[in-house]
Amino acid sequence: MSAAETPAYAVRLRSRRVQRELDALQSSDRRRVLARLEALAEDPRPPGGEKLEDDIYRVRGGDIRILYRVDDEGRRVDVGAIRRRSEATYRGVGELFR
């Protein structure tokens, strides 16, 4: 993407908790997640992504799952969680965006 191009969608972290989840990652995982977040700005529904509920999706970055909501009207991607894959990863997904 050149400097003149702007992303199709704005990607934002919904809370300080999500920022802390990102900050707590090891550097290799953090780089992978940041690359996925940049890619979501161009294509919020990438191949390999999965629709969880209504407008809530998830993408993988190794063992890390990025849970987000797409707002097509506002051209925004709201990241609700960045979690390592576990049994609890998807518990209460809908509550992340209320």
PDB file of N, CA and C in Angstrom:
ATOM      1  N   MET A   1       0.844  -1.173   0.000  1.00  0.00           N
ATOM      2  CA  MET A   1       0.000   0.000   0.000  1.00  0.00           C
ATOM      3  C   MET A   1       0.891   1.237   0.000  1.00  0.00           C
ATOM      4  N   SER A   2       0.644   2.130  -0.919  1.00  0.00           N
ATOM      5  CA  SER A   2       1.444   3.349  -0.992  1.00  0.00           C
ATOM      6  C   SER A   2       0.931   4.368   0.015  1.00  0.00           C
ATOM      7  N   ALA A   3       1.688   5.423   0.195  1.00  0.00           N
ATOM      8  CA  ALA A   3       1.315   6.450   1.163  1.00  0.00           C
ATOM      9  C   ALA A   3       0.024   7.152   0.746  1.00  0.00           C
ATOM     10  N   ALA A   4      -0.269   7.209  -0.564  1.00  0.00           N
ATOM     11  CA  ALA A   4      -1.471   7.878  -1.049  1.00  0.00           C
ATOM     12  C   ALA A   4      -2.725   7.036  -0.825  1.00  0.00           C
ATOM     13  N   GLU A   5      -2.574   5.722  -0.683  1.00  0.00           N
ATOM     14  CA  GLU A   5      -3.722   4.851  -0.484  1.00  0.00           C
ATOM     15  C   GLU A   5      -4.120   4.837   0.987  1.00  0.00           C
ATOM     16  N   THR A   6      -5.432   4.821   1.220  1.00  0.00           N
ATOM     17  CA  THR A   6      -5.917   4.674   2.583  1.00  0.00           C
ATOM     18  C   THR A   6      -6.608   3.322   2.700  1.00  0.00           C
ATOM     19  N   PRO A   7      -6.545   2.710   3.871  1.00  0.00           N
ATOM     20  CA  PRO A   7      -7.197   1.417   4.049  1.00  0.00           C
ATOM     21  C   PRO A   7      -8.704   1.532   3.845  1.00  0.00           C
ATOM     22  N   ALA A   8      -9.305   0.447   3.418  1.00  0.00           N
ATOM     23  CA  ALA A   8     -10.745   0.427   3.191  1.00  0.00           C
ATOM     24  C   ALA A   8     -11.513   0.538   4.510  1.00  0.00           C
ATOM     25  N   TYR A   9     -10.974  -0.048   5.566  1.00  0.00           N
ATOM     26  CA  TYR A   9     -11.605  -0.043   6.884  1.00  0.00           C
ATOM     27  C   TYR A   9     -10.612   0.460   7.925  1.00  0.00           C
ATOM     28  N   ALA A  10     -11.135   1.131   8.949  1.00  0.00           N
ATOM     29  CA  ALA A  10     -10.308   1.516  10.097  1.00  0.00           C
ATOM     30  C   ALA A  10     -10.360   0.378  11.105  1.00  0.00           C
ATOM     31  N   VAL A  11      -9.220  -0.032  11.613  1.00  0.00           N
ATOM     32  CA  VAL A  11      -9.155  -1.098  12.618  1.00  0.00           C
ATOM     33  C   VAL A  11      -8.868  -0.442  13.959  1.00  0.00           C
ATOM     34  N   ARG A  12      -9.697  -0.775  14.959  1.00  0.00           N
ATOM     35  CA  ARG A  12      -9.460  -0.206  16.286  1.00  0.00           C
ATOM     36  C   ARG A  12      -9.655  -1.268  17.343  1.00  0.00           C
ATOM     37  N   LEU A  13      -8.893  -1.143  18.410  1.00  0.00           N
ATOM     38  CA  LEU A  13      -9.024  -2.020  19.567  1.00  0.00           C
ATOM     39  C   LEU A  13     -10.122  -1.433  20.452  1.00  0.00           C
ATOM     40  N   ARG A  14     -11.066  -2.254  20.853  1.00  0.00           N
ATOM     41  CA  ARG A  14     -12.242  -1.757  21.579  1.00  0.00           C
ATOM     42  C   ARG A  14     -11.962  -1.291  23.004  1.00  0.00           C
ATOM     43  N   SER A  15     -10.899  -1.791  23.623  1.00  0.00           N
ATOM     44  CA  SER A  15     -10.680  -1.443  25.030  1.00  0.00           C
ATOM     45  C   SER A  15      -9.204  -1.549  25.394  1.00  0.00           C
ATOM     46  N   ARG A  16      -8.895  -1.056  26.584  1.00  0.00           N
ATOM     47  CA  ARG A  16      -7.525  -1.201  27.087  1.00  0.00           C
ATOM     48  C   ARG A  16      -7.195  -2.662  27.332  1.00  0.00           C
ATOM     49  N   ARG A  17      -8.215  -3.464  27.651  1.00  0.00           N
ATOM     50  CA  ARG A  17      -7.997  -4.895  27.860  1.00  0.00           C
ATOM     51  C   ARG A  17      -7.445  -5.539  26.589  1.00  0.00           C
ATOM     52  N   VAL A  18      -7.985  -5.171  25.447  1.00  0.00           N
ATOM     53  CA  VAL A  18      -7.508  -5.723  24.177  1.00  0.00           C
ATOM     54  C   VAL A  18      -6.071  -5.257  23.926  1.00  0.00           C
ATOM     55  N   GLN A  19      -5.773  -4.006  24.247  1.00  0.00           N
ATOM     56  CA  GLN A  19      -4.406  -3.499  24.094  1.00  0.00           C
ATOM     57  C   GLN A  19      -3.450  -4.284  24.999  1.00  0.00           C
ATOM     58  N   ARG A  20      -3.885  -4.593  26.218  1.00  0.00           N
ATOM     59  CA  ARG A  20      -3.044  -5.381  27.132  1.00  0.00           C
ATOM     60  C   ARG A  20      -2.846  -6.799  26.595  1.00  0.00           C
ATOM     61  N   GLU A  21      -3.894  -7.379  25.992  1.00  0.00           N
ATOM     62  CA  GLU A  21      -3.762  -8.713  25.394  1.00  0.00           C
ATOM     63  C   GLU A  21      -2.709  -8.692  24.284  1.00  0.00           C
ATOM     64  N   LEU A  22      -2.733  -7.643  23.477  1.00  0.00           N
ATOM     65  CA  LEU A  22      -1.755  -7.494  22.401  1.00  0.00           C
ATOM     66  C   LEU A  22      -0.352  -7.286  22.976  1.00  0.00           C
ATOM     67  N   ASP A  23      -0.226  -6.430  23.966  1.00  0.00           N
ATOM     68  CA  ASP A  23       1.075  -6.136  24.569  1.00  0.00           C
ATOM     69  C   ASP A  23       1.688  -7.353  25.260  1.00  0.00           C
ATOM     70  N   ALA A  24       0.847  -8.262  25.754  1.00  0.00           N
ATOM     71  CA  ALA A  24       1.331  -9.431  26.492  1.00  0.00           C
ATOM     72  C   ALA A  24       1.876 -10.527  25.580  1.00  0.00           C
ATOM     73  N   LEU A  25       1.645 -10.417  24.279  1.00  0.00           N
ATOM     74  CA  LEU A  25       2.116 -11.448  23.351  1.00  0.00           C
ATOM     75  C   LEU A  25       3.630 -11.412  23.199  1.00  0.00           C
ATOM     76  N   GLN A  26       4.214 -12.569  22.911  1.00  0.00           N
ATOM     77  CA  GLN A  26       5.632 -12.620  22.573  1.00  0.00           C
ATOM     78  C   GLN A  26       5.829 -11.856  21.269  1.00  0.00           C
ATOM     79  N   SER A  27       7.033 -11.367  21.034  1.00  0.00           N
ATOM     80  CA  SER A  27       7.272 -10.498  19.878  1.00  0.00           C
ATOM     81  C   SER A  27       6.921 -11.162  18.557  1.00  0.00           C
ATOM     82  N   SER A  28       7.215 -12.441  18.392  1.00  0.00           N
ATOM     83  CA  SER A  28       6.883 -13.112  17.125  1.00  0.00           C
ATOM     84  C   SER A  28       5.374 -13.200  16.931  1.00  0.00           C
ATOM     85  N   ASP A  29       4.628 -13.504  18.006  1.00  0.00           N
ATOM     86  CA  ASP A  29       3.168 -13.537  17.922  1.00  0.00           C
ATOM     87  C   ASP A  29       2.608 -12.143  17.681  1.00  0.00           C
ATOM     88  N   ARG A  30       3.191 -11.135  18.332  1.00  0.00           N
ATOM     89  CA  ARG A  30       2.721  -9.756  18.171  1.00  0.00           C
ATOM     90  C   ARG A  30       2.881  -9.298  16.726  1.00  0.00           C
ATOM     91  N   ARG A  31       4.031  -9.617  16.113  1.00  0.00           N
ATOM     92  CA  ARG A  31       4.238  -9.238  14.713  1.00  0.00           C
ATOM     93  C   ARG A  31       3.201  -9.903  13.811  1.00  0.00           C
ATOM     94  N   ARG A  32       2.927 -11.174  14.064  1.00  0.00           N
ATOM     95  CA  ARG A  32       1.950 -11.909  13.267  1.00  0.00           C
ATOM     96  C   ARG A  32       0.556 -11.298  13.419  1.00  0.00           C
ATOM     97  N   VAL A  33       0.171 -10.956  14.652  1.00  0.00           N
ATOM     98  CA  VAL A  33      -1.143 -10.363  14.908  1.00  0.00           C
ATOM     99  C   VAL A  33      -1.236  -8.983  14.272  1.00  0.00           C
ATOM    100  N   LEU A  34      -0.192  -8.172  14.397  1.00  0.00           N
ATOM    101  CA  LEU A  34      -0.221  -6.837  13.782  1.00  0.00           C
ATOM    102  C   LEU A  34      -0.353  -6.927  12.267  1.00  0.00           C
ATOM    103  N   ALA A  35       0.306  -7.912  11.663  1.00  0.00           N
ATOM    104  CA  ALA A  35       0.168  -8.109  10.215  1.00  0.00           C
ATOM    105  C   ALA A  35      -1.270  -8.492   9.864  1.00  0.00           C
ATOM    106  N   ARG A  36      -1.894  -9.342  10.689  1.00  0.00           N
ATOM    107  CA  ARG A  36      -3.293  -9.730  10.439  1.00  0.00           C
ATOM    108  C   ARG A  36      -4.215  -8.526  10.599  1.00  0.00           C
ATOM    109  N   LEU A  37      -3.948  -7.674  11.585  1.00  0.00           N
ATOM    110  CA  LEU A  37      -4.777  -6.482  11.784  1.00  0.00           C
ATOM    111  C   LEU A  37      -4.662  -5.538  10.591  1.00  0.00           C
ATOM    112  N   GLU A  38      -3.459  -5.368  10.065  1.00  0.00           N
ATOM    113  CA  GLU A  38      -3.279  -4.530   8.874  1.00  0.00           C
ATOM    114  C   GLU A  38      -4.036  -5.115   7.683  1.00  0.00           C
ATOM    115  N   ALA A  39      -3.998  -6.438   7.551  1.00  0.00           N
ATOM    116  CA  ALA A  39      -4.709  -7.092   6.448  1.00  0.00           C
ATOM    117  C   ALA A  39      -6.224  -6.929   6.595  1.00  0.00           C
ATOM    118  N   LEU A  40      -6.721  -6.912   7.838  1.00  0.00           N
ATOM    119  CA  LEU A  40      -8.155  -6.725   8.052  1.00  0.00           C
ATOM    120  C   LEU A  40      -8.626  -5.348   7.584  1.00  0.00           C
ATOM    121  N   ALA A  41      -7.736  -4.372   7.605  1.00  0.00           N
ATOM    122  CA  ALA A  41      -8.094  -3.032   7.125  1.00  0.00           C
ATOM    123  C   ALA A  41      -8.431  -3.064   5.638  1.00  0.00           C
ATOM    124  N   GLU A  42      -7.800  -3.951   4.906  1.00  0.00           N
ATOM    125  CA  GLU A  42      -8.062  -4.075   3.463  1.00  0.00           C
ATOM    126  C   GLU A  42      -9.185  -5.053   3.162  1.00  0.00           C
ATOM    127  N   ASP A  43      -9.254  -6.145   3.909  1.00  0.00           N
ATOM    128  CA  ASP A  43     -10.259  -7.185   3.671  1.00  0.00           C
ATOM    129  C   ASP A  43     -10.723  -7.742   5.004  1.00  0.00           C
ATOM    130  N   PRO A  44     -11.846  -7.234   5.544  1.00  0.00           N
ATOM    131  CA  PRO A  44     -12.282  -7.682   6.863  1.00  0.00           C
ATOM    132  C   PRO A  44     -12.885  -9.089   6.874  1.00  0.00           C
ATOM    133  N   ARG A  45     -13.074  -9.661   5.715  1.00  0.00           N
ATOM    134  CA  ARG A  45     -13.591 -11.040   5.627  1.00  0.00           C
ATOM    135  C   ARG A  45     -12.646 -11.876   4.763  1.00  0.00           C
ATOM    136  N   PRO A  46     -11.431 -12.108   5.266  1.00  0.00           N
ATOM    137  CA  PRO A  46     -10.414 -12.796   4.455  1.00  0.00           C
ATOM    138  C   PRO A  46     -10.688 -14.293   4.333  1.00  0.00           C
ATOM    139  N   PRO A  47     -10.080 -14.930   3.342  1.00  0.00           N
ATOM    140  CA  PRO A  47     -10.167 -16.389   3.276  1.00  0.00           C
ATOM    141  C   PRO A  47      -9.565 -16.981   4.554  1.00  0.00           C
ATOM    142  N   GLY A  48     -10.190 -17.990   5.084  1.00  0.00           N
ATOM    143  CA  GLY A  48      -9.712 -18.590   6.329  1.00  0.00           C
ATOM    144  C   GLY A  48     -10.342 -17.970   7.561  1.00  0.00           C
ATOM    145  N   GLY A  49     -10.999 -16.823   7.405  1.00  0.00           N
ATOM    146  CA  GLY A  49     -11.716 -16.223   8.524  1.00  0.00           C
ATOM    147  C   GLY A  49     -13.008 -16.991   8.739  1.00  0.00           C
ATOM    148  N   GLU A  50     -13.573 -16.863   9.915  1.00  0.00           N
ATOM    149  CA  GLU A  50     -14.789 -17.605  10.217  1.00  0.00           C
ATOM    150  C   GLU A  50     -15.813 -16.686  10.859  1.00  0.00           C
ATOM    151  N   LYS A  51     -17.042 -16.755  10.375  1.00  0.00           N
ATOM    152  CA  LYS A  51     -18.133 -15.991  10.966  1.00  0.00           C
ATOM    153  C   LYS A  51     -18.610 -16.730  12.207  1.00  0.00           C
ATOM    154  N   LEU A  52     -18.657 -16.025  13.349  1.00  0.00           N
ATOM    155  CA  LEU A  52     -19.079 -16.642  14.604  1.00  0.00           C
ATOM    156  C   LEU A  52     -20.543 -16.348  14.908  1.00  0.00           C
ATOM    157  N   GLU A  53     -20.931 -15.100  14.823  1.00  0.00           N
ATOM    158  CA  GLU A  53     -22.293 -14.636  15.079  1.00  0.00           C
ATOM    159  C   GLU A  53     -22.519 -13.392  14.237  1.00  0.00           C
ATOM    160  N   ASP A  54     -23.743 -13.173  13.805  1.00  0.00           N
ATOM    161  CA  ASP A  54     -24.140 -11.976  13.056  1.00  0.00           C
ATOM    162  C   ASP A  54     -22.973 -11.329  12.303  1.00  0.00           C
ATOM    163  N   ASP A  55     -22.417 -10.249  12.862  1.00  0.00           N
ATOM    164  CA  ASP A  55     -21.315  -9.537  12.216  1.00  0.00           C
ATOM    165  C   ASP A  55     -19.993  -9.720  12.962  1.00  0.00           C
ATOM    166  N   ILE A  56     -19.884 -10.799  13.741  1.00  0.00           N
ATOM    167  CA  ILE A  56     -18.680 -11.091  14.518  1.00  0.00           C
ATOM    168  C   ILE A  56     -17.907 -12.217  13.841  1.00  0.00           C
ATOM    169  N   TYR A  57     -16.602 -11.988  13.676  1.00  0.00           N
ATOM    170  CA  TYR A  57     -15.740 -12.923  12.965  1.00  0.00           C
ATOM    171  C   TYR A  57     -14.505 -13.232  13.798  1.00  0.00           C
ATOM    172  N   ARG A  58     -13.749 -14.222  13.318  1.00  0.00           N
ATOM    173  CA  ARG A  58     -12.448 -14.498  13.911  1.00  0.00           C
ATOM    174  C   ARG A  58     -11.481 -14.882  12.804  1.00  0.00           C
ATOM    175  N   VAL A  59     -10.234 -14.493  13.003  1.00  0.00           N
ATOM    176  CA  VAL A  59      -9.141 -14.933  12.141  1.00  0.00           C
ATOM    177  C   VAL A  59      -8.065 -15.504  13.044  1.00  0.00           C
ATOM    178  N   ARG A  60      -7.267 -16.368  12.451  1.00  0.00           N
ATOM    179  CA  ARG A  60      -6.188 -17.007  13.192  1.00  0.00           C
ATOM    180  C   ARG A  60      -4.862 -16.373  12.834  1.00  0.00           C
ATOM    181  N   GLY A  61      -3.991 -16.381  13.804  1.00  0.00           N
ATOM    182  CA  GLY A  61      -2.598 -16.006  13.600  1.00  0.00           C
ATOM    183  C   GLY A  61      -1.771 -16.977  14.421  1.00  0.00           C
ATOM    184  N   GLY A  62      -1.525 -18.166  13.876  1.00  0.00           N
ATOM    185  CA  GLY A  62      -0.877 -19.225  14.648  1.00  0.00           C
ATOM    186  C   GLY A  62      -1.852 -19.727  15.699  1.00  0.00           C
ATOM    187  N   ASP A  63      -1.422 -19.740  16.970  1.00  0.00           N
ATOM    188  CA  ASP A  63      -2.302 -20.160  18.071  1.00  0.00           C
ATOM    189  C   ASP A  63      -3.163 -19.012  18.589  1.00  0.00           C
ATOM    190  N   ILE A  64      -3.016 -17.845  18.024  1.00  0.00           N
ATOM    191  CA  ILE A  64      -3.734 -16.661  18.483  1.00  0.00           C
ATOM    192  C   ILE A  64      -4.999 -16.486  17.652  1.00  0.00           C
ATOM    193  N   ARG A  65      -6.085 -16.112  18.326  1.00  0.00           N
ATOM    194  CA  ARG A  65      -7.341 -15.830  17.645  1.00  0.00           C
ATOM    195  C   ARG A  65      -7.666 -14.363  17.831  1.00  0.00           C
ATOM    196  N   ILE A  66      -8.051 -13.713  16.738  1.00  0.00           N
ATOM    197  CA  ILE A  66      -8.465 -12.314  16.776  1.00  0.00           C
ATOM    198  C   ILE A  66      -9.970 -12.311  16.558  1.00  0.00           C
ATOM    199  N   LEU A  67     -10.716 -11.828  17.551  1.00  0.00           N
ATOM    200  CA  LEU A  67     -12.169 -11.774  17.485  1.00  0.00           C
ATOM    201  C   LEU A  67     -12.562 -10.332  17.213  1.00  0.00           C
ATOM    202  N   TYR A  68     -13.370 -10.126  16.179  1.00  0.00           N
ATOM    203  CA  TYR A  68     -13.684  -8.755  15.777  1.00  0.00           C
ATOM    204  C   TYR A  68     -15.078  -8.658  15.169  1.00  0.00           C
ATOM    205  N   ARG A  69     -15.569  -7.425  15.118  1.00  0.00           N
ATOM    206  CA  ARG A  69     -16.873  -7.126  14.520  1.00  0.00           C
ATOM    207  C   ARG A  69     -16.645  -6.179  13.348  1.00  0.00           C
ATOM    208  N   VAL A  70     -17.368  -6.424  12.267  1.00  0.00           N
ATOM    209  CA  VAL A  70     -17.256  -5.593  11.073  1.00  0.00           C
ATOM    210  C   VAL A  70     -18.456  -4.653  11.017  1.00  0.00           C
ATOM    211  N   ASP A  71     -18.188  -3.370  10.888  1.00  0.00           N
ATOM    212  CA  ASP A  71     -19.222  -2.347  10.712  1.00  0.00           C
ATOM    213  C   ASP A  71     -19.056  -1.805   9.298  1.00  0.00           C
ATOM    214  N   ASP A  72     -19.853  -2.332   8.365  1.00  0.00           N
ATOM    215  CA  ASP A  72     -19.718  -1.925   6.971  1.00  0.00           C
ATOM    216  C   ASP A  72     -20.152  -0.482   6.734  1.00  0.00           C
ATOM    217  N   GLU A  73     -21.195  -0.037   7.437  1.00  0.00           N
ATOM    218  CA  GLU A  73     -21.638   1.350   7.272  1.00  0.00           C
ATOM    219  C   GLU A  73     -20.562   2.339   7.708  1.00  0.00           C
ATOM    220  N   GLY A  74     -19.959   2.065   8.863  1.00  0.00           N
ATOM    221  CA  GLY A  74     -18.922   2.944   9.393  1.00  0.00           C
ATOM    222  C   GLY A  74     -17.534   2.636   8.859  1.00  0.00           C
ATOM    223  N   ARG A  75     -17.425   1.584   8.010  1.00  0.00           N
ATOM    224  CA  ARG A  75     -16.128   1.165   7.445  1.00  0.00           C
ATOM    225  C   ARG A  75     -15.105   0.977   8.555  1.00  0.00           C
ATOM    226  N   ARG A  76     -15.525   0.161   9.567  1.00  0.00           N
ATOM    227  CA  ARG A  76     -14.676  -0.024  10.743  1.00  0.00           C
ATOM    228  C   ARG A  76     -14.634  -1.496  11.141  1.00  0.00           C
ATOM    229  N   VAL A  77     -13.488  -1.912  11.662  1.00  0.00           N
ATOM    230  CA  VAL A  77     -13.296  -3.230  12.253  1.00  0.00           C
ATOM    231  C   VAL A  77     -12.954  -2.999  13.718  1.00  0.00           C
ATOM    232  N   ASP A  78     -13.821  -3.494  14.609  1.00  0.00           N
ATOM    233  CA  ASP A  78     -13.606  -3.348  16.054  1.00  0.00           C
ATOM    234  C   ASP A  78     -13.093  -4.662  16.610  1.00  0.00           C
ATOM    235  N   VAL A  79     -11.882  -4.651  17.147  1.00  0.00           N
ATOM    236  CA  VAL A  79     -11.273  -5.856  17.701  1.00  0.00           C
ATOM    237  C   VAL A  79     -11.699  -5.972  19.159  1.00  0.00           C
ATOM    238  N   GLY A  80     -12.377  -7.091  19.478  1.00  0.00           N
ATOM    239  CA  GLY A  80     -12.895  -7.300  20.831  1.00  0.00           C
ATOM    240  C   GLY A  80     -12.001  -8.157  21.698  1.00  0.00           C
ATOM    241  N   ALA A  81     -11.136  -8.968  21.075  1.00  0.00           N
ATOM    242  CA  ALA A  81     -10.255  -9.830  21.856  1.00  0.00           C
ATOM    243  C   ALA A  81      -9.129 -10.353  20.983  1.00  0.00           C
ATOM    244  N   ILE A  82      -7.988 -10.557  21.613  1.00  0.00           N
ATOM    245  CA  ILE A  82      -6.831 -11.212  20.998  1.00  0.00           C
ATOM    246  C   ILE A  82      -6.416 -12.276  22.008  1.00  0.00           C
ATOM    247  N   ARG A  83      -6.758 -13.529  21.692  1.00  0.00           N
ATOM    248  CA  ARG A  83      -6.577 -14.590  22.683  1.00  0.00           C
ATOM    249  C   ARG A  83      -5.848 -15.796  22.118  1.00  0.00           C
ATOM    250  N   ARG A  84      -5.104 -16.443  22.991  1.00  0.00           N
ATOM    251  CA  ARG A  84      -4.509 -17.725  22.631  1.00  0.00           C
ATOM    252  C   ARG A  84      -5.631 -18.752  22.590  1.00  0.00           C
ATOM    253  N   ARG A  85      -5.563 -19.657  21.653  1.00  0.00           N
ATOM    254  CA  ARG A  85      -6.611 -20.661  21.472  1.00  0.00           C
ATOM    255  C   ARG A  85      -6.715 -21.548  22.706  1.00  0.00           C
ATOM    256  N   SER A  86      -7.932 -21.657  23.240  1.00  0.00           N
ATOM    257  CA  SER A  86      -8.211 -22.536  24.371  1.00  0.00           C
ATOM    258  C   SER A  86      -9.708 -22.824  24.365  1.00  0.00           C
ATOM    259  N   GLU A  87     -10.156 -23.622  25.327  1.00  0.00           N
ATOM    260  CA  GLU A  87     -11.586 -23.913  25.414  1.00  0.00           C
ATOM    261  C   GLU A  87     -12.396 -22.662  25.739  1.00  0.00           C
ATOM    262  N   ALA A  88     -11.805 -21.704  26.405  1.00  0.00           N
ATOM    263  CA  ALA A  88     -12.513 -20.493  26.817  1.00  0.00           C
ATOM    264  C   ALA A  88     -12.447 -19.367  25.782  1.00  0.00           C
ATOM    265  N   THR A  89     -11.740 -19.562  24.702  1.00  0.00           N
ATOM    266  CA  THR A  89     -11.517 -18.492  23.728  1.00  0.00           C
ATOM    267  C   THR A  89     -12.811 -17.870  23.228  1.00  0.00           C
ATOM    268  N   TYR A  90     -13.797 -18.695  22.911  1.00  0.00           N
ATOM    269  CA  TYR A  90     -15.022 -18.186  22.287  1.00  0.00           C
ATOM    270  C   TYR A  90     -16.174 -18.011  23.265  1.00  0.00           C
ATOM    271  N   ARG A  91     -15.945 -18.254  24.527  1.00  0.00           N
ATOM    272  CA  ARG A  91     -16.996 -18.102  25.535  1.00  0.00           C
ATOM    273  C   ARG A  91     -17.375 -16.625  25.669  1.00  0.00           C
ATOM    274  N   GLY A  92     -18.648 -16.331  25.557  1.00  0.00           N
ATOM    275  CA  GLY A  92     -19.126 -14.959  25.726  1.00  0.00           C
ATOM    276  C   GLY A  92     -18.721 -14.014  24.622  1.00  0.00           C
ATOM    277  N   VAL A  93     -18.586 -14.517  23.406  1.00  0.00           N
ATOM    278  CA  VAL A  93     -18.150 -13.672  22.295  1.00  0.00           C
ATOM    279  C   VAL A  93     -19.083 -12.500  22.074  1.00  0.00           C
ATOM    280  N   GLY A  94     -20.368 -12.741  22.099  1.00  0.00           N
ATOM    281  CA  GLY A  94     -21.339 -11.656  21.885  1.00  0.00           C
ATOM    282  C   GLY A  94     -21.221 -10.544  22.893  1.00  0.00           C
ATOM    283  N   GLU A  95     -20.836 -10.880  24.116  1.00  0.00           N
ATOM    284  CA  GLU A  95     -20.703  -9.880  25.176  1.00  0.00           C
ATOM    285  C   GLU A  95     -19.528  -8.931  24.949  1.00  0.00           C
ATOM    286  N   LEU A  96     -18.559  -9.320  24.143  1.00  0.00           N
ATOM    287  CA  LEU A  96     -17.400  -8.468  23.878  1.00  0.00           C
ATOM    288  C   LEU A  96     -17.795  -7.172  23.177  1.00  0.00           C
ATOM    289  N   PHE A  97     -18.912  -7.191  22.473  1.00  0.00           N
ATOM    290  CA  PHE A  97     -19.271  -6.058  21.622  1.00  0.00           C
ATOM    291  C   PHE A  97     -20.529  -5.346  22.078  1.00  0.00           C
ATOM    292  N   ARG A  98     -20.906  -5.520  23.320  1.00  0.00           N
ATOM    293  CA  ARG A  98     -22.089  -4.822  23.844  1.00  0.00           C
ATOM    294  C   ARG A  98     -21.696  -3.643  24.651  1.00  0.00           C
TER     295      ARG A  98
END
